[in-house]
C-alpha atoms as a PDB file:
ATOM      1  CA  MET A   1     181.301 -94.806  30.947  1.00  0.00           C
ATOM      2  CA  LEU A   2     179.242 -93.627  33.663  1.00  0.00           C
ATOM      3  CA  HIS A   3     176.300 -95.830  32.538  1.00  0.00           C
ATOM      4  CA  THR A   4     178.616 -98.907  32.875  1.00  0.00           C
ATOM      5  CA  LEU A   5     179.588 -98.059  36.145  1.00  0.00           C
ATOM      6  CA  THR A   6     175.942 -97.367  37.502  1.00  0.00           C
ATOM      7  CA  GLU A   7     174.653-100.719  36.080  1.00  0.00           C
ATOM      8  CA  ASP A   8     177.512-102.418  38.090  1.00  0.00           C
ATOM      9  CA  LEU A   9     176.394-100.800  41.159  1.00  0.00           C
ATOM     10  CA  ALA A  10     172.864-101.535  40.448  1.00  0.00           C
ATOM     11  CA  SER A  11     173.595-105.008  39.808  1.00  0.00           C
ATOM     12  CA  PHE A  12     175.227-105.214  43.549  1.00  0.00           C
ATOM     13  CA  LEU A  13     172.166-103.408  44.673  1.00  0.00           C
ATOM     14  CA  SER A  14     169.926-106.355  43.108  1.00  0.00           C
ATOM     15  CA  GLU A  15     171.730-108.808  45.554  1.00  0.00           C
ATOM     16  CA  VAL A  16     170.488-106.712  48.831  1.00  0.00           C
ATOM     17  CA  THR A  17     167.475-108.343  50.458  1.00  0.00           C
ATOM     18  CA  HIS A  18     165.500-106.630  53.035  1.00  0.00           C
ATOM     19  CA  GLY A  19     167.536-108.209  55.637  1.00  0.00           C
ATOM     20  CA  ASP A  20     170.716-106.912  54.405  1.00  0.00           C
ATOM     21  CA  LEU A  21     169.656-103.216  54.630  1.00  0.00           C
ATOM     22  CA  GLY A  22     171.210-103.267  58.083  1.00  0.00           C
ATOM     23  CA  CYS A  23     174.923-104.734  57.066  1.00  0.00           C
ATOM     24  CA  ARG A  24     177.458-102.414  58.147  1.00  0.00           C
ATOM     25  CA  VAL A  25     179.229-100.444  55.608  1.00  0.00           C
ATOM     26  CA  ALA A  26     182.997-100.805  56.486  1.00  0.00           C
ATOM     27  CA  HIS A  27     184.232 -97.287  56.095  1.00  0.00           C
ATOM     28  CA  GLY A  28     181.918 -96.129  58.841  1.00  0.00           C
ATOM     29  CA  ALA A  29     178.931 -94.447  57.116  1.00  0.00           C
ATOM     30  CA  GLY A  30     176.453 -96.572  58.399  1.00  0.00           C
ATOM     31  CA  ASP A  31     174.750 -99.544  56.656  1.00  0.00           C
ATOM     32  CA  ILE A  32     173.681-100.462  53.070  1.00  0.00           C
ATOM     33  CA  GLY A  33     170.089 -98.805  54.091  1.00  0.00           C
ATOM     34  CA  ASP A  34     172.067 -95.577  54.969  1.00  0.00           C
ATOM     35  CA  LEU A  35     174.230 -95.720  51.792  1.00  0.00           C
ATOM     36  CA  TYR A  36     171.369 -96.379  49.490  1.00  0.00           C
ATOM     37  CA  LEU A  37     169.607 -93.380  50.640  1.00  0.00           C
ATOM     38  CA  ARG A  38     172.719 -91.103  50.087  1.00  0.00           C
ATOM     39  CA  LEU A  39     173.066 -92.711  46.632  1.00  0.00           C
ATOM     40  CA  ILE A  40     169.488 -92.019  45.474  1.00  0.00           C
ATOM     41  CA  ASP A  41     169.902 -88.346  47.163  1.00  0.00           C
ATOM     42  CA  GLN A  42     173.204 -87.920  45.326  1.00  0.00           C
ATOM     43  CA  ASN A  43     172.011 -88.898  41.904  1.00  0.00           C
ATOM     44  CA  VAL A  44     168.929 -86.617  42.461  1.00  0.00           C
ATOM     45  CA  SER A  45     171.218 -83.698  43.457  1.00  0.00           C
ATOM     46  CA  VAL A  46     173.491 -84.167  40.669  1.00  0.00           C
ATOM     47  CA  ALA A  47     170.879 -84.341  38.103  1.00  0.00           C
ATOM     48  CA  THR A  48     169.043 -81.359  39.212  1.00  0.00           C
ATOM     49  CA  ALA A  49     172.282 -79.210  39.522  1.00  0.00           C
ATOM     50  CA  THR A  50     173.318 -80.506  35.843  1.00  0.00           C
ATOM     51  CA  ALA A  51     170.109 -80.084  34.166  1.00  0.00           C
ATOM     52  CA  GLY A  52     169.972 -76.618  35.774  1.00  0.00           C
ATOM     53  CA  ALA A  53     166.266 -77.040  36.982  1.00  0.00           C
ATOM     54  CA  ALA A  54     164.137 -79.178  39.256  1.00  0.00           C
ATOM     55  CA  MET A  55     163.281 -82.634  38.107  1.00  0.00           C
ATOM     56  CA  PRO A  56     159.881 -83.087  36.169  1.00  0.00           C
ATOM     57  CA  HIS A  57     156.989 -83.978  38.109  1.00  0.00           C
ATOM     58  CA  GLY A  58     156.844 -87.737  38.182  1.00  0.00           C
ATOM     59  CA  GLN A  59     160.269 -88.267  37.653  1.00  0.00           C
ATOM     60  CA  SER A  60     161.449 -88.538  41.251  1.00  0.00           C
ATOM     61  CA  ILE A  61     161.182 -91.822  43.329  1.00  0.00           C
ATOM     62  CA  GLY A  62     159.312 -90.141  45.846  1.00  0.00           C
ATOM     63  CA  PRO A  63     160.177 -88.989  49.647  1.00  0.00           C
ATOM     64  CA  MET A  64     162.064 -91.977  51.245  1.00  0.00           C
ATOM     65  CA  ASP A  65     163.848 -91.605  54.490  1.00  0.00           C
ATOM     66  CA  ARG A  66     165.325 -94.347  56.863  1.00  0.00           C
ATOM     67  CA  ALA A  67     162.292 -95.117  58.844  1.00  0.00           C
ATOM     68  CA  SER A  68     160.408 -96.208  55.627  1.00  0.00           C
ATOM     69  CA  LEU A  69     162.809 -97.650  53.359  1.00  0.00           C
ATOM     70  CA  GLY A  70     162.182-101.212  54.266  1.00  0.00           C
ATOM     71  CA  VAL A  71     158.502-100.625  53.635  1.00  0.00           C
ATOM     72  CA  SER A  72     158.798 -98.528  50.612  1.00  0.00           C
ATOM     73  CA  VAL A  73     161.174-100.995  48.908  1.00  0.00           C
ATOM     74  CA  ASP A  74     158.977-103.912  49.600  1.00  0.00           C
ATOM     75  CA  ILE A  75     155.741-102.102  48.211  1.00  0.00           C
ATOM     76  CA  ARG A  76     157.279-100.813  45.275  1.00  0.00           C
ATOM     77  CA  TYR A  77     160.014-103.281  44.068  1.00  0.00           C
ATOM     78  CA  GLY A  78     159.772-106.392  46.017  1.00  0.00           C
ATOM     79  CA  ASP A  79     162.436-107.799  48.494  1.00  0.00           C
ATOM     80  CA  ALA A  80     165.287-107.217  46.615  1.00  0.00           C
ATOM     81  CA  GLY A  81     164.204-103.770  44.593  1.00  0.00           C
ATOM     82  CA  LEU A  82     166.954-101.358  45.623  1.00  0.00           C
ATOM     83  CA  ASP A  83     168.401-101.647  42.035  1.00  0.00           C
ATOM     84  CA  VAL A  84     165.160-100.204  40.704  1.00  0.00           C
ATOM     85  CA  GLY A  85     165.151 -97.257  42.412  1.00  0.00           C
ATOM     86  CA  TYR A  86     168.831 -96.472  41.943  1.00  0.00           C
ATOM     87  CA  ARG A  87     168.706 -97.131  38.074  1.00  0.00           C
ATOM     88  CA  ARG A  88     165.850 -94.653  37.909  1.00  0.00           C
ATOM     89  CA  THR A  89     167.637 -91.972  39.507  1.00  0.00           C
ATOM     90  CA  ALA A  90     171.040 -92.893  37.916  1.00  0.00           C
ATOM     91  CA  ARG A  91     169.475 -92.563  34.606  1.00  0.00           C
ATOM     92  CA  LEU A  92     168.277 -88.954  35.531  1.00  0.00           C
ATOM     93  CA  MET A  93     171.692 -88.176  36.567  1.00  0.00           C
ATOM     94  CA  GLU A  94     172.992 -89.817  33.128  1.00  0.00           C
ATOM     95  CA  ASN A  95     170.545 -88.011  31.220  1.00  0.00           C
ATOM     96  CA  ALA A  96     171.293 -84.693  32.830  1.00  0.00           C
ATOM     97  CA  PHE A  97     175.152 -85.051  31.899  1.00  0.00           C
ATOM     98  CA  ALA A  98     173.997 -86.035  28.343  1.00  0.00           C
ATOM     99  CA  SER A  99     172.088 -82.807  27.742  1.00  0.00           C
ATOM    100  CA  VAL A 100     174.952 -80.507  28.878  1.00  0.00           C
ATOM    101  CA  ARG A 101     176.222 -77.892  26.306  1.00  0.00           C
ATOM    102  CA  ASP A 102     178.947 -76.387  28.528  1.00  0.00           C
ATOM    103  CA  ALA A 103     180.696 -78.749  30.702  1.00  0.00           C
ATOM    104  CA  SER A 104     182.721 -75.667  32.049  1.00  0.00           C
ATOM    105  CA  ARG A 105     179.542 -74.268  33.672  1.00  0.00           C
ATOM    106  CA  LEU A 106     179.748 -74.370  37.555  1.00  0.00           C
ATOM    107  CA  VAL A 107     177.244 -76.129  39.415  1.00  0.00           C
ATOM    108  CA  ARG A 108     176.701 -76.789  43.255  1.00  0.00           C
ATOM    109  CA  THR A 109     174.904 -79.860  44.693  1.00  0.00           C
ATOM    110  CA  ARG A 110     173.344 -80.573  47.793  1.00  0.00           C
ATOM    111  CA  GLY A 111     176.120 -80.986  50.485  1.00  0.00           C
ATOM    112  CA  ALA A 112     178.969 -79.809  48.511  1.00  0.00           C
ATOM    113  CA  ARG A 113     181.642 -77.560  49.691  1.00  0.00           C
ATOM    114  CA  GLY A 114     181.576 -75.198  46.727  1.00  0.00           C
ATOM    115  CA  ALA A 115     180.677 -74.923  43.116  1.00  0.00           C
ATOM    116  CA  VAL A 116     182.445 -77.268  40.464  1.00  0.00           C
ATOM    117  CA  ASP A 117     182.407 -77.473  36.740  1.00  0.00           C
ATOM    118  CA  ILE A 118     180.135 -79.934  35.173  1.00  0.00           C
ATOM    119  CA  ALA A 119     183.163 -81.951  33.751  1.00  0.00           C
ATOM    120  CA  THR A 120     184.591 -82.254  37.170  1.00  0.00           C
ATOM    121  CA  LEU A 121     181.340 -83.391  38.655  1.00  0.00           C
ATOM    122  CA  TYR A 122     181.083 -86.100  36.085  1.00  0.00           C
ATOM    123  CA  GLU A 123     184.554 -87.212  36.993  1.00  0.00           C
ATOM    124  CA  GLU A 124     183.480 -87.328  40.572  1.00  0.00           C
ATOM    125  CA  GLN A 125     180.480 -89.579  40.002  1.00  0.00           C
ATOM    126  CA  ILE A 126     182.648 -91.990  37.958  1.00  0.00           C
ATOM    127  CA  SER A 127     184.856 -92.413  41.217  1.00  0.00           C
ATOM    128  CA  SER A 128     181.566 -92.351  43.605  1.00  0.00           C
ATOM    129  CA  ALA A 129     180.129 -95.040  41.540  1.00  0.00           C
ATOM    130  CA  VAL A 130     183.345 -97.307  41.856  1.00  0.00           C
ATOM    131  CA  VAL A 131     183.983 -96.789  45.361  1.00  0.00           C
ATOM    132  CA  HIS A 132     180.258 -97.406  46.377  1.00  0.00           C
ATOM    133  CA  THR A 133     180.158-100.470  44.436  1.00  0.00           C
ATOM    134  CA  TRP A 134     183.066-101.895  46.419  1.00  0.00           C
ATOM    135  CA  ASP A 135     181.577-100.455  49.388  1.00  0.00           C
ATOM    136  CA  ILE A 136     178.233-102.446  48.785  1.00  0.00           C
ATOM    137  CA  ALA A 137     180.224-105.425  47.879  1.00  0.00           C
ATOM    138  CA  GLN A 138     182.168-105.614  50.948  1.00  0.00           C
ATOM    139  CA  ALA A 139     179.105-105.246  53.124  1.00  0.00           C
ATOM    140  CA  LEU A 140     177.556-108.009  51.411  1.00  0.00           C
ATOM    141  CA  GLY A 141     180.202-110.437  52.703  1.00  0.00           C
ATOM    142  CA  GLY A 142     183.191-109.375  50.541  1.00  0.00           C
ATOM    143  CA  LEU A 143     182.011-110.187  47.186  1.00  0.00           C
ATOM    144  CA  PRO A 144     184.673-109.838  44.625  1.00  0.00           C
ATOM    145  CA  TYR A 145     184.578-106.348  42.674  1.00  0.00           C
ATOM    146  CA  GLN A 146     187.300-104.566  40.428  1.00  0.00           C
ATOM    147  CA  PRO A 147     186.614-102.258  37.560  1.00  0.00           C
ATOM    148  CA  ALA A 148     188.065-102.316  34.440  1.00  0.00           C
ATOM    149  CA  THR A 149     191.613-101.005  33.943  1.00  0.00           C
ATOM    150  CA  ASP A 150     190.952 -97.785  32.030  1.00  0.00           C
ATOM    151  CA  VAL A 151     188.187 -96.803  34.809  1.00  0.00           C
ATOM    152  CA  THR A 152     190.645 -97.322  37.473  1.00  0.00           C
ATOM    153  CA  GLN A 153     193.482 -95.401  35.654  1.00  0.00           C
ATOM    154  CA  ARG A 154     191.062 -92.591  34.760  1.00  0.00           C
ATOM    155  CA  ILE A 155     190.200 -92.244  38.485  1.00  0.00           C
ATOM    156  CA  LEU A 156     193.538 -91.978  39.464  1.00  0.00           C
ATOM    157  CA  ARG A 157     194.516 -89.415  37.010  1.00  0.00           C
ATOM    158  CA  THR A 158     191.594 -87.225  37.821  1.00  0.00           C
ATOM    159  CA  THR A 159     192.246 -87.642  41.570  1.00  0.00           C
ATOM    160  CA  VAL A 160     195.723 -87.028  41.462  1.00  0.00           C
ATOM    161  CA  LEU A 161     194.952 -83.735  39.307  1.00  0.00           C
ATOM    162  CA  ARG A 162     192.289 -82.650  41.700  1.00  0.00           C
ATOM    163  CA  MET A 163     194.689 -82.951  44.628  1.00  0.00           C
ATOM    164  CA  THR A 164     197.730 -81.388  43.058  1.00  0.00           C
ATOM    165  CA  GLN A 165     195.758 -78.705  40.841  1.00  0.00           C
ATOM    166  CA  THR A 166     198.247 -79.323  38.371  1.00  0.00           C
ATOM    167  CA  SER A 167     198.093 -80.449  34.584  1.00  0.00           C
ATOM    168  CA  ALA A 168     198.851 -84.346  33.749  1.00  0.00           C
ATOM    169  CA  THR A 169     201.875 -85.291  32.206  1.00  0.00           C
ATOM    170  CA  PRO A 170     201.895 -88.766  30.537  1.00  0.00           C
ATOM    171  CA  GLY A 171     201.759 -91.794  33.116  1.00  0.00           C
ATOM    172  CA  GLN A 172     200.879 -89.311  36.132  1.00  0.00           C
ATOM    173  CA  GLY A 173     198.618 -90.959  38.389  1.00  0.00           C
ATOM    174  CA  GLU A 174     198.889 -94.501  36.752  1.00  0.00           C
ATOM    175  CA  ALA A 175     199.907 -97.639  38.628  1.00  0.00           C
ATOM    176  CA  ALA A 176     201.874-100.548  37.520  1.00  0.00           C
ATOM    177  CA  ASP A 177     198.945-103.308  37.628  1.00  0.00           C
ATOM    178  CA  ASP A 178     195.441-103.522  38.039  1.00  0.00           C
ATOM    179  CA  ALA A 179     194.954-104.465  41.772  1.00  0.00           C
ATOM    180  CA  GLY A 180     197.881-101.964  42.604  1.00  0.00           C
ATOM    181  CA  ALA A 181     195.715 -99.185  40.894  1.00  0.00           C
ATOM    182  CA  PHE A 182     192.643-100.171  42.605  1.00  0.00           C
ATOM    183  CA  ALA A 183     194.190-100.361  45.892  1.00  0.00           C
ATOM    184  CA  CYS A 184     195.319 -96.731  45.109  1.00  0.00           C
ATOM    185  CA  VAL A 185     191.948 -95.854  44.388  1.00  0.00           C
ATOM    186  CA  LEU A 186     190.535 -97.320  47.445  1.00  0.00           C
ATOM    187  CA  SER A 187     193.124 -95.810  49.581  1.00  0.00           C
ATOM    188  CA  LEU A 188     192.812 -92.195  48.119  1.00  0.00           C
ATOM    189  CA  ALA A 189     188.864 -92.879  49.009  1.00  0.00           C
ATOM    190  CA  GLY A 190     189.697 -93.658  52.435  1.00  0.00           C
ATOM    191  CA  ARG A 191     188.960 -97.277  52.225  1.00  0.00           C
ATOM    192  CA  VAL A 192     191.268 -99.911  53.504  1.00  0.00           C
ATOM    193  CA  ARG A 193     191.834-103.033  51.073  1.00  0.00           C
END
């Protein structure tokens, strides 16, 4: 499931041109360029924590900061190449999750408040991919985006469980329709739909 969602996010990033890097992201986290850098950092941090070791030499996309983002993107991938760098780091993260033998192992990612088990981290990455895909779609002029129903329901269930710290009962965290469920996900993520 995570691979499908990171591909959705990458497809929206493939629409970003150099001129779009400065488009504001609605929830106040800067612009598309800032969000892209956070996504890359998040993928690398999750991959490193999940694998339990630093990334092998040659697998990172190299240092990139806001000042050099436009130049780095143009030199490496062409004008609309954010998807290439994102996909590369997303695959590192996905491969790290695929190699996990104990999903209950606790890990800490850069910037996290505390340790979390790998199964929970995986669910957080599903939610993050969906919410940030929506963020980019909105920043690019309100492009339509809504994930599949099963994805939305899964995010709602795991969010409710995390917030209440209880076990699920059948139907808990499910909304009546697709649009309503996705609106709940966006509301819980602090986005206004």
